[in-house]
């Protein structure tokens, strides 16, 4: 796996269940701090995940964050954003 593949994997999101049409869906997005400056470098990815679930008929029920620590040289801290979406009936 190359350097850019690793970066892509670390900034992607994961789904707890592959089953569709559940009442609740849990997703996790890893937010990366920008190399220079402050703030997240991939907030648009978080926004896309939320909007995709809204289009499927879900609303954001809960969001929690946890600090994933630093990845060392070439990267800032990682924050795990775990979101629970509720199906709008």
PDB file of N, CA and C in Angstrom:
ATOM      1  N   UNK A   1       0.851  -1.171   0.000  1.00  0.00           N
ATOM      2  CA  UNK A   1       0.000   0.000   0.000  1.00  0.00           C
ATOM      3  C   UNK A   1       0.895   1.231   0.000  1.00  0.00           C
ATOM      4  N   UNK A   2       0.650   2.153  -0.906  1.00  0.00           N
ATOM      5  CA  UNK A   2       1.459   3.353  -1.024  1.00  0.00           C
ATOM      6  C   UNK A   2       1.065   4.421  -0.019  1.00  0.00           C
ATOM      7  N   UNK A   3       1.878   5.472   0.026  1.00  0.00           N
ATOM      8  CA  UNK A   3       1.657   6.581   0.945  1.00  0.00           C
ATOM      9  C   UNK A   3       0.286   7.222   0.749  1.00  0.00           C
ATOM     10  N   UNK A   4      -0.097   7.492  -0.504  1.00  0.00           N
ATOM     11  CA  UNK A   4      -1.376   8.153  -0.773  1.00  0.00           C
ATOM     12  C   UNK A   4      -2.556   7.227  -0.487  1.00  0.00           C
ATOM     13  N   UNK A   5      -2.394   5.926  -0.690  1.00  0.00           N
ATOM     14  CA  UNK A   5      -3.445   4.975  -0.345  1.00  0.00           C
ATOM     15  C   UNK A   5      -3.679   4.971   1.156  1.00  0.00           C
ATOM     16  N   UNK A   6      -2.595   5.040   1.923  1.00  0.00           N
ATOM     17  CA  UNK A   6      -2.703   5.076   3.384  1.00  0.00           C
ATOM     18  C   UNK A   6      -3.417   6.336   3.829  1.00  0.00           C
ATOM     19  N   UNK A   7      -3.061   7.474   3.227  1.00  0.00           N
ATOM     20  CA  UNK A   7      -3.728   8.727   3.589  1.00  0.00           C
ATOM     21  C   UNK A   7      -5.212   8.646   3.282  1.00  0.00           C
ATOM     22  N   UNK A   8      -5.575   8.089   2.138  1.00  0.00           N
ATOM     23  CA  UNK A   8      -6.975   7.982   1.756  1.00  0.00           C
ATOM     24  C   UNK A   8      -7.721   7.084   2.739  1.00  0.00           C
ATOM     25  N   UNK A   9      -7.093   5.967   3.116  1.00  0.00           N
ATOM     26  CA  UNK A   9      -7.724   5.034   4.046  1.00  0.00           C
ATOM     27  C   UNK A   9      -7.949   5.697   5.397  1.00  0.00           C
ATOM     28  N   UNK A  10      -6.992   6.473   5.878  1.00  0.00           N
ATOM     29  CA  UNK A  10      -7.091   7.110   7.182  1.00  0.00           C
ATOM     30  C   UNK A  10      -8.134   8.211   7.215  1.00  0.00           C
ATOM     31  N   UNK A  11      -8.503   8.772   6.071  1.00  0.00           N
ATOM     32  CA  UNK A  11      -9.457   9.865   6.060  1.00  0.00           C
ATOM     33  C   UNK A  11     -10.842   9.419   5.620  1.00  0.00           C
ATOM     34  N   UNK A  12     -11.029   8.121   5.434  1.00  0.00           N
ATOM     35  CA  UNK A  12     -12.317   7.642   4.964  1.00  0.00           C
ATOM     36  C   UNK A  12     -13.248   7.347   6.133  1.00  0.00           C
ATOM     37  N   UNK A  13     -14.453   6.944   5.812  1.00  0.00           N
ATOM     38  CA  UNK A  13     -15.415   6.649   6.865  1.00  0.00           C
ATOM     39  C   UNK A  13     -15.743   5.170   6.843  1.00  0.00           C
ATOM     40  N   UNK A  14     -16.283   4.705   7.959  1.00  0.00           N
ATOM     41  CA  UNK A  14     -16.651   3.300   8.050  1.00  0.00           C
ATOM     42  C   UNK A  14     -18.115   3.194   8.455  1.00  0.00           C
ATOM     43  N   UNK A  15     -18.731   2.110   8.069  1.00  0.00           N
ATOM     44  CA  UNK A  15     -20.131   1.838   8.349  1.00  0.00           C
ATOM     45  C   UNK A  15     -20.207   0.625   9.265  1.00  0.00           C
ATOM     46  N   UNK A  16     -20.998   0.723  10.315  1.00  0.00           N
ATOM     47  CA  UNK A  16     -21.092  -0.380  11.267  1.00  0.00           C
ATOM     48  C   UNK A  16     -21.786  -1.589  10.659  1.00  0.00           C
ATOM     49  N   UNK A  17     -22.780  -1.356   9.818  1.00  0.00           N
ATOM     50  CA  UNK A  17     -23.541  -2.461   9.245  1.00  0.00           C
ATOM     51  C   UNK A  17     -23.758  -2.217   7.768  1.00  0.00           C
ATOM     52  N   UNK A  18     -23.644  -3.260   6.969  1.00  0.00           N
ATOM     53  CA  UNK A  18     -23.887  -3.136   5.547  1.00  0.00           C
ATOM     54  C   UNK A  18     -25.348  -3.321   5.180  1.00  0.00           C
ATOM     55  N   UNK A  19     -26.167  -3.604   6.171  1.00  0.00           N
ATOM     56  CA  UNK A  19     -27.591  -3.851   5.953  1.00  0.00           C
ATOM     57  C   UNK A  19     -28.312  -2.527   5.699  1.00  0.00           C
ATOM     58  N   UNK A  20     -29.212  -2.530   4.735  1.00  0.00           N
ATOM     59  CA  UNK A  20     -29.966  -1.314   4.426  1.00  0.00           C
ATOM     60  C   UNK A  20     -31.319  -1.330   5.121  1.00  0.00           C
ATOM     61  N   UNK A  21     -31.952  -0.172   5.150  1.00  0.00           N
ATOM     62  CA  UNK A  21     -33.288   0.016   5.722  1.00  0.00           C
ATOM     63  C   UNK A  21     -33.356  -0.302   7.212  1.00  0.00           C
ATOM     64  N   UNK A  22     -32.322   0.061   7.953  1.00  0.00           N
ATOM     65  CA  UNK A  22     -32.336  -0.074   9.399  1.00  0.00           C
ATOM     66  C   UNK A  22     -32.933   1.185  10.010  1.00  0.00           C
ATOM     67  N   UNK A  23     -33.440   1.079  11.231  1.00  0.00           N
ATOM     68  CA  UNK A  23     -33.973   2.268  11.913  1.00  0.00           C
ATOM     69  C   UNK A  23     -32.852   3.220  12.315  1.00  0.00           C
ATOM     70  N   UNK A  24     -31.697   2.657  12.643  1.00  0.00           N
ATOM     71  CA  UNK A  24     -30.537   3.464  13.019  1.00  0.00           C
ATOM     72  C   UNK A  24     -29.322   2.986  12.236  1.00  0.00           C
ATOM     73  N   UNK A  25     -28.457   3.933  11.852  1.00  0.00           N
ATOM     74  CA  UNK A  25     -27.218   3.627  11.152  1.00  0.00           C
ATOM     75  C   UNK A  25     -26.096   4.336  11.904  1.00  0.00           C
ATOM     76  N   UNK A  26     -24.991   3.642  12.122  1.00  0.00           N
ATOM     77  CA  UNK A  26     -23.833   4.224  12.795  1.00  0.00           C
ATOM     78  C   UNK A  26     -22.698   4.344  11.783  1.00  0.00           C
ATOM     79  N   UNK A  27     -22.150   5.542  11.656  1.00  0.00           N
ATOM     80  CA  UNK A  27     -21.032   5.805  10.749  1.00  0.00           C
ATOM     81  C   UNK A  27     -19.915   6.493  11.523  1.00  0.00           C
ATOM     82  N   UNK A  28     -18.703   6.291  11.066  1.00  0.00           N
ATOM     83  CA  UNK A  28     -17.558   6.941  11.694  1.00  0.00           C
ATOM     84  C   UNK A  28     -16.688   7.577  10.623  1.00  0.00           C
ATOM     85  N   UNK A  29     -16.292   8.826  10.875  1.00  0.00           N
ATOM     86  CA  UNK A  29     -15.421   9.559   9.976  1.00  0.00           C
ATOM     87  C   UNK A  29     -14.183   9.982  10.757  1.00  0.00           C
ATOM     88  N   UNK A  30     -13.014   9.802  10.149  1.00  0.00           N
ATOM     89  CA  UNK A  30     -11.776  10.253  10.768  1.00  0.00           C
ATOM     90  C   UNK A  30     -11.440  11.631  10.216  1.00  0.00           C
ATOM     91  N   UNK A  31     -11.420  12.618  11.101  1.00  0.00           N
ATOM     92  CA  UNK A  31     -11.080  13.980  10.701  1.00  0.00           C
ATOM     93  C   UNK A  31      -9.598  14.193  10.935  1.00  0.00           C
ATOM     94  N   UNK A  32      -8.913  14.701   9.918  1.00  0.00           N
ATOM     95  CA  UNK A  32      -7.481  14.955  10.007  1.00  0.00           C
ATOM     96  C   UNK A  32      -7.232  16.440  10.174  1.00  0.00           C
ATOM     97  N   UNK A  33      -6.342  16.777  11.091  1.00  0.00           N
ATOM     98  CA  UNK A  33      -5.936  18.165  11.233  1.00  0.00           C
ATOM     99  C   UNK A  33      -5.019  18.520  10.074  1.00  0.00           C
ATOM    100  N   UNK A  34      -5.153  19.740   9.582  1.00  0.00           N
ATOM    101  CA  UNK A  34      -4.292  20.186   8.490  1.00  0.00           C
ATOM    102  C   UNK A  34      -2.830  20.152   8.929  1.00  0.00           C
ATOM    103  N   UNK A  35      -1.962  19.902   7.966  1.00  0.00           N
ATOM    104  CA  UNK A  35      -0.534  19.868   8.263  1.00  0.00           C
ATOM    105  C   UNK A  35      -0.062  21.230   8.746  1.00  0.00           C
ATOM    106  N   UNK A  36      -0.453  22.299   8.036  1.00  0.00           N
ATOM    107  CA  UNK A  36      -0.101  23.661   8.441  1.00  0.00           C
ATOM    108  C   UNK A  36      -1.360  24.347   8.929  1.00  0.00           C
ATOM    109  N   UNK A  37      -1.282  25.006  10.064  1.00  0.00           N
ATOM    110  CA  UNK A  37      -2.427  25.737  10.572  1.00  0.00           C
ATOM    111  C   UNK A  37      -3.308  24.863  11.441  1.00  0.00           C
ATOM    112  N   UNK A  38      -4.510  25.340  11.669  1.00  0.00           N
ATOM    113  CA  UNK A  38      -5.430  24.617  12.529  1.00  0.00           C
ATOM    114  C   UNK A  38      -6.698  24.284  11.782  1.00  0.00           C
ATOM    115  N   UNK A  39      -7.478  23.417  12.342  1.00  0.00           N
ATOM    116  CA  UNK A  39      -8.743  23.024  11.737  1.00  0.00           C
ATOM    117  C   UNK A  39      -8.609  21.725  10.986  1.00  0.00           C
ATOM    118  N   UNK A  40      -9.745  21.164  10.647  1.00  0.00           N
ATOM    119  CA  UNK A  40      -9.760  19.881   9.963  1.00  0.00           C
ATOM    120  C   UNK A  40      -9.518  20.068   8.471  1.00  0.00           C
ATOM    121  N   UNK A  41      -8.787  19.145   7.887  1.00  0.00           N
ATOM    122  CA  UNK A  41      -8.496  19.210   6.467  1.00  0.00           C
ATOM    123  C   UNK A  41      -9.540  18.526   5.607  1.00  0.00           C
ATOM    124  N   UNK A  42     -10.521  17.835   6.226  1.00  0.00           N
ATOM    125  CA  UNK A  42     -11.499  17.107   5.422  1.00  0.00           C
ATOM    126  C   UNK A  42     -12.928  17.241   5.960  1.00  0.00           C
ATOM    127  N   UNK A  43     -13.305  18.453   6.354  1.00  0.00           N
ATOM    128  CA  UNK A  43     -14.684  18.686   6.807  1.00  0.00           C
ATOM    129  C   UNK A  43     -15.689  18.443   5.694  1.00  0.00           C
ATOM    130  N   UNK A  44     -15.289  18.645   4.443  1.00  0.00           N
ATOM    131  CA  UNK A  44     -16.215  18.398   3.338  1.00  0.00           C
ATOM    132  C   UNK A  44     -16.611  16.921   3.285  1.00  0.00           C
ATOM    133  N   UNK A  45     -15.700  16.025   3.665  1.00  0.00           N
ATOM    134  CA  UNK A  45     -16.033  14.599   3.696  1.00  0.00           C
ATOM    135  C   UNK A  45     -17.103  14.316   4.753  1.00  0.00           C
ATOM    136  N   UNK A  46     -16.973  14.948   5.914  1.00  0.00           N
ATOM    137  CA  UNK A  46     -17.979  14.801   6.965  1.00  0.00           C
ATOM    138  C   UNK A  46     -19.331  15.315   6.475  1.00  0.00           C
ATOM    139  N   UNK A  47     -19.316  16.450   5.824  1.00  0.00           N
ATOM    140  CA  UNK A  47     -20.533  17.038   5.261  1.00  0.00           C
ATOM    141  C   UNK A  47     -21.172  16.110   4.226  1.00  0.00           C
ATOM    142  N   UNK A  48     -20.353  15.501   3.375  1.00  0.00           N
ATOM    143  CA  UNK A  48     -20.877  14.583   2.362  1.00  0.00           C
ATOM    144  C   UNK A  48     -21.537  13.362   2.995  1.00  0.00           C
ATOM    145  N   UNK A  49     -20.920  12.815   4.029  1.00  0.00           N
ATOM    146  CA  UNK A  49     -21.487  11.648   4.712  1.00  0.00           C
ATOM    147  C   UNK A  49     -22.844  11.987   5.302  1.00  0.00           C
ATOM    148  N   UNK A  50     -22.953  13.132   5.950  1.00  0.00           N
ATOM    149  CA  UNK A  50     -24.230  13.547   6.545  1.00  0.00           C
ATOM    150  C   UNK A  50     -25.284  13.736   5.462  1.00  0.00           C
ATOM    151  N   UNK A  51     -24.935  14.432   4.381  1.00  0.00           N
ATOM    152  CA  UNK A  51     -25.895  14.684   3.301  1.00  0.00           C
ATOM    153  C   UNK A  51     -26.333  13.402   2.597  1.00  0.00           C
ATOM    154  N   UNK A  52     -25.426  12.430   2.466  1.00  0.00           N
ATOM    155  CA  UNK A  52     -25.798  11.148   1.857  1.00  0.00           C
ATOM    156  C   UNK A  52     -26.852  10.433   2.696  1.00  0.00           C
ATOM    157  N   UNK A  53     -26.714  10.501   4.017  1.00  0.00           N
ATOM    158  CA  UNK A  53     -27.694   9.843   4.881  1.00  0.00           C
ATOM    159  C   UNK A  53     -29.033  10.572   4.861  1.00  0.00           C
ATOM    160  N   UNK A  54     -29.000  11.893   4.776  1.00  0.00           N
ATOM    161  CA  UNK A  54     -30.237  12.677   4.677  1.00  0.00           C
ATOM    162  C   UNK A  54     -30.990  12.297   3.405  1.00  0.00           C
ATOM    163  N   UNK A  55     -30.269  12.122   2.300  1.00  0.00           N
ATOM    164  CA  UNK A  55     -30.900  11.730   1.038  1.00  0.00           C
ATOM    165  C   UNK A  55     -31.535  10.342   1.131  1.00  0.00           C
ATOM    166  N   UNK A  56     -31.033   9.503   2.024  1.00  0.00           N
ATOM    167  CA  UNK A  56     -31.582   8.159   2.215  1.00  0.00           C
ATOM    168  C   UNK A  56     -32.744   8.140   3.210  1.00  0.00           C
ATOM    169  N   UNK A  57     -33.082   9.310   3.761  1.00  0.00           N
ATOM    170  CA  UNK A  57     -34.215   9.393   4.684  1.00  0.00           C
ATOM    171  C   UNK A  57     -33.841   9.305   6.153  1.00  0.00           C
ATOM    172  N   UNK A  58     -32.594   9.604   6.482  1.00  0.00           N
ATOM    173  CA  UNK A  58     -32.139   9.593   7.870  1.00  0.00           C
ATOM    174  C   UNK A  58     -31.870  11.009   8.340  1.00  0.00           C
ATOM    175  N   UNK A  59     -31.901  11.191   9.660  1.00  0.00           N
ATOM    176  CA  UNK A  59     -31.488  12.465  10.257  1.00  0.00           C
ATOM    177  C   UNK A  59     -30.393  12.169  11.266  1.00  0.00           C
ATOM    178  N   UNK A  60     -29.522  13.139  11.471  1.00  0.00           N
ATOM    179  CA  UNK A  60     -28.440  12.972  12.431  1.00  0.00           C
ATOM    180  C   UNK A  60     -29.035  13.002  13.834  1.00  0.00           C
ATOM    181  N   UNK A  61     -28.905  11.918  14.546  1.00  0.00           N
ATOM    182  CA  UNK A  61     -29.454  11.786  15.896  1.00  0.00           C
ATOM    183  C   UNK A  61     -28.423  12.197  16.940  1.00  0.00           C
ATOM    184  N   UNK A  62     -27.202  11.650  16.824  1.00  0.00           N
ATOM    185  CA  UNK A  62     -26.150  11.899  17.810  1.00  0.00           C
ATOM    186  C   UNK A  62     -24.792  11.913  17.118  1.00  0.00           C
ATOM    187  N   UNK A  63     -23.911  12.768  17.605  1.00  0.00           N
ATOM    188  CA  UNK A  63     -22.531  12.755  17.128  1.00  0.00           C
ATOM    189  C   UNK A  63     -21.611  12.880  18.341  1.00  0.00           C
ATOM    190  N   UNK A  64     -20.587  12.042  18.378  1.00  0.00           N
ATOM    191  CA  UNK A  64     -19.585  12.115  19.432  1.00  0.00           C
ATOM    192  C   UNK A  64     -18.209  12.132  18.776  1.00  0.00           C
ATOM    193  N   UNK A  65     -17.248  12.681  19.477  1.00  0.00           N
ATOM    194  CA  UNK A  65     -15.888  12.714  18.953  1.00  0.00           C
ATOM    195  C   UNK A  65     -14.913  12.164  19.992  1.00  0.00           C
ATOM    196  N   UNK A  66     -13.832  11.601  19.492  1.00  0.00           N
ATOM    197  CA  UNK A  66     -12.757  11.116  20.347  1.00  0.00           C
ATOM    198  C   UNK A  66     -11.442  11.423  19.662  1.00  0.00           C
ATOM    199  N   UNK A  67     -10.467  11.852  20.425  1.00  0.00           N
ATOM    200  CA  UNK A  67      -9.154  12.166  19.873  1.00  0.00           C
ATOM    201  C   UNK A  67      -8.422  10.873  19.580  1.00  0.00           C
ATOM    202  N   UNK A  68      -8.030  10.710  18.320  1.00  0.00           N
ATOM    203  CA  UNK A  68      -7.324   9.503  17.898  1.00  0.00           C
ATOM    204  C   UNK A  68      -5.823   9.603  18.035  1.00  0.00           C
ATOM    205  N   UNK A  69      -5.314  10.750  18.476  1.00  0.00           N
ATOM    206  CA  UNK A  69      -3.879  10.911  18.643  1.00  0.00           C
ATOM    207  C   UNK A  69      -3.200  11.359  17.373  1.00  0.00           C
ATOM    208  N   UNK A  70      -1.929  11.618  17.474  1.00  0.00           N
ATOM    209  CA  UNK A  70      -1.141  12.099  16.351  1.00  0.00           C
ATOM    210  C   UNK A  70      -0.575  10.933  15.558  1.00  0.00           C
ATOM    211  N   UNK A  71      -0.493  11.098  14.258  1.00  0.00           N
ATOM    212  CA  UNK A  71       0.102  10.091  13.388  1.00  0.00           C
ATOM    213  C   UNK A  71       1.570  10.384  13.124  1.00  0.00           C
ATOM    214  N   UNK A  72       2.121  11.377  13.828  1.00  0.00           N
ATOM    215  CA  UNK A  72       3.542  11.650  13.691  1.00  0.00           C
ATOM    216  C   UNK A  72       3.867  12.575  12.548  1.00  0.00           C
ATOM    217  N   UNK A  73       5.044  12.403  11.989  1.00  0.00           N
ATOM    218  CA  UNK A  73       5.557  13.275  10.935  1.00  0.00           C
ATOM    219  C   UNK A  73       4.603  13.324   9.745  1.00  0.00           C
ATOM    220  N   UNK A  74       4.298  14.536   9.309  1.00  0.00           N
ATOM    221  CA  UNK A  74       3.482  14.701   8.116  1.00  0.00           C
ATOM    222  C   UNK A  74       1.989  14.737   8.372  1.00  0.00           C
ATOM    223  N   UNK A  75       1.591  14.707   9.624  1.00  0.00           N
ATOM    224  CA  UNK A  75       0.161  14.731   9.896  1.00  0.00           C
ATOM    225  C   UNK A  75      -0.137  15.209  11.289  1.00  0.00           C
ATOM    226  N   UNK A  76      -1.279  15.824  11.448  1.00  0.00           N
ATOM    227  CA  UNK A  76      -1.688  16.308  12.759  1.00  0.00           C
ATOM    228  C   UNK A  76      -2.518  15.261  13.474  1.00  0.00           C
ATOM    229  N   UNK A  77      -3.241  15.729  14.450  1.00  0.00           N
ATOM    230  CA  UNK A  77      -4.090  14.842  15.235  1.00  0.00           C
ATOM    231  C   UNK A  77      -5.223  14.278  14.394  1.00  0.00           C
ATOM    232  N   UNK A  78      -5.743  13.157  14.840  1.00  0.00           N
ATOM    233  CA  UNK A  78      -6.898  12.517  14.210  1.00  0.00           C
ATOM    234  C   UNK A  78      -8.048  12.547  15.208  1.00  0.00           C
ATOM    235  N   UNK A  79      -9.223  12.912  14.740  1.00  0.00           N
ATOM    236  CA  UNK A  79     -10.413  12.929  15.577  1.00  0.00           C
ATOM    237  C   UNK A  79     -11.420  11.977  14.962  1.00  0.00           C
ATOM    238  N   UNK A  80     -11.904  11.032  15.746  1.00  0.00           N
ATOM    239  CA  UNK A  80     -12.911  10.089  15.289  1.00  0.00           C
ATOM    240  C   UNK A  80     -14.291  10.681  15.587  1.00  0.00           C
ATOM    241  N   UNK A  81     -15.059  10.946  14.562  1.00  0.00           N
ATOM    242  CA  UNK A  81     -16.433  11.431  14.716  1.00  0.00           C
ATOM    243  C   UNK A  81     -17.365  10.245  14.463  1.00  0.00           C
ATOM    244  N   UNK A  82     -18.075   9.832  15.499  1.00  0.00           N
ATOM    245  CA  UNK A  82     -19.026   8.727  15.377  1.00  0.00           C
ATOM    246  C   UNK A  82     -20.422   9.316  15.378  1.00  0.00           C
ATOM    247  N   UNK A  83     -21.200   8.969  14.347  1.00  0.00           N
ATOM    248  CA  UNK A  83     -22.530   9.547  14.176  1.00  0.00           C
ATOM    249  C   UNK A  83     -23.590   8.456  14.157  1.00  0.00           C
ATOM    250  N   UNK A  84     -24.694   8.731  14.816  1.00  0.00           N
ATOM    251  CA  UNK A  84     -25.853   7.842  14.788  1.00  0.00           C
ATOM    252  C   UNK A  84     -26.941   8.570  14.014  1.00  0.00           C
ATOM    253  N   UNK A  85     -27.419   7.918  12.953  1.00  0.00           N
ATOM    254  CA  UNK A  85     -28.497   8.472  12.138  1.00  0.00           C
ATOM    255  C   UNK A  85     -29.772   7.685  12.406  1.00  0.00           C
ATOM    256  N   UNK A  86     -30.888   8.385  12.493  1.00  0.00           N
ATOM    257  CA  UNK A  86     -32.185   7.770  12.748  1.00  0.00           C
ATOM    258  C   UNK A  86     -33.053   7.887  11.497  1.00  0.00           C
ATOM    259  N   UNK A  87     -33.693   6.781  11.125  1.00  0.00           N
ATOM    260  CA  UNK A  87     -34.589   6.773   9.963  1.00  0.00           C
ATOM    261  C   UNK A  87     -35.805   7.643  10.259  1.00  0.00           C
ATOM    262  N   UNK A  88     -36.146   8.523   9.332  1.00  0.00           N
ATOM    263  CA  UNK A  88     -37.342   9.342   9.466  1.00  0.00           C
ATOM    264  C   UNK A  88     -38.504   8.542   8.922  1.00  0.00           C
ATOM    265  N   UNK A  89     -39.452   8.238   9.777  1.00  0.00           N
ATOM    266  CA  UNK A  89     -40.587   7.377   9.386  1.00  0.00           C
ATOM    267  C   UNK A  89     -41.764   8.245   9.015  1.00  0.00           C
TER     268      UNK A  89
END
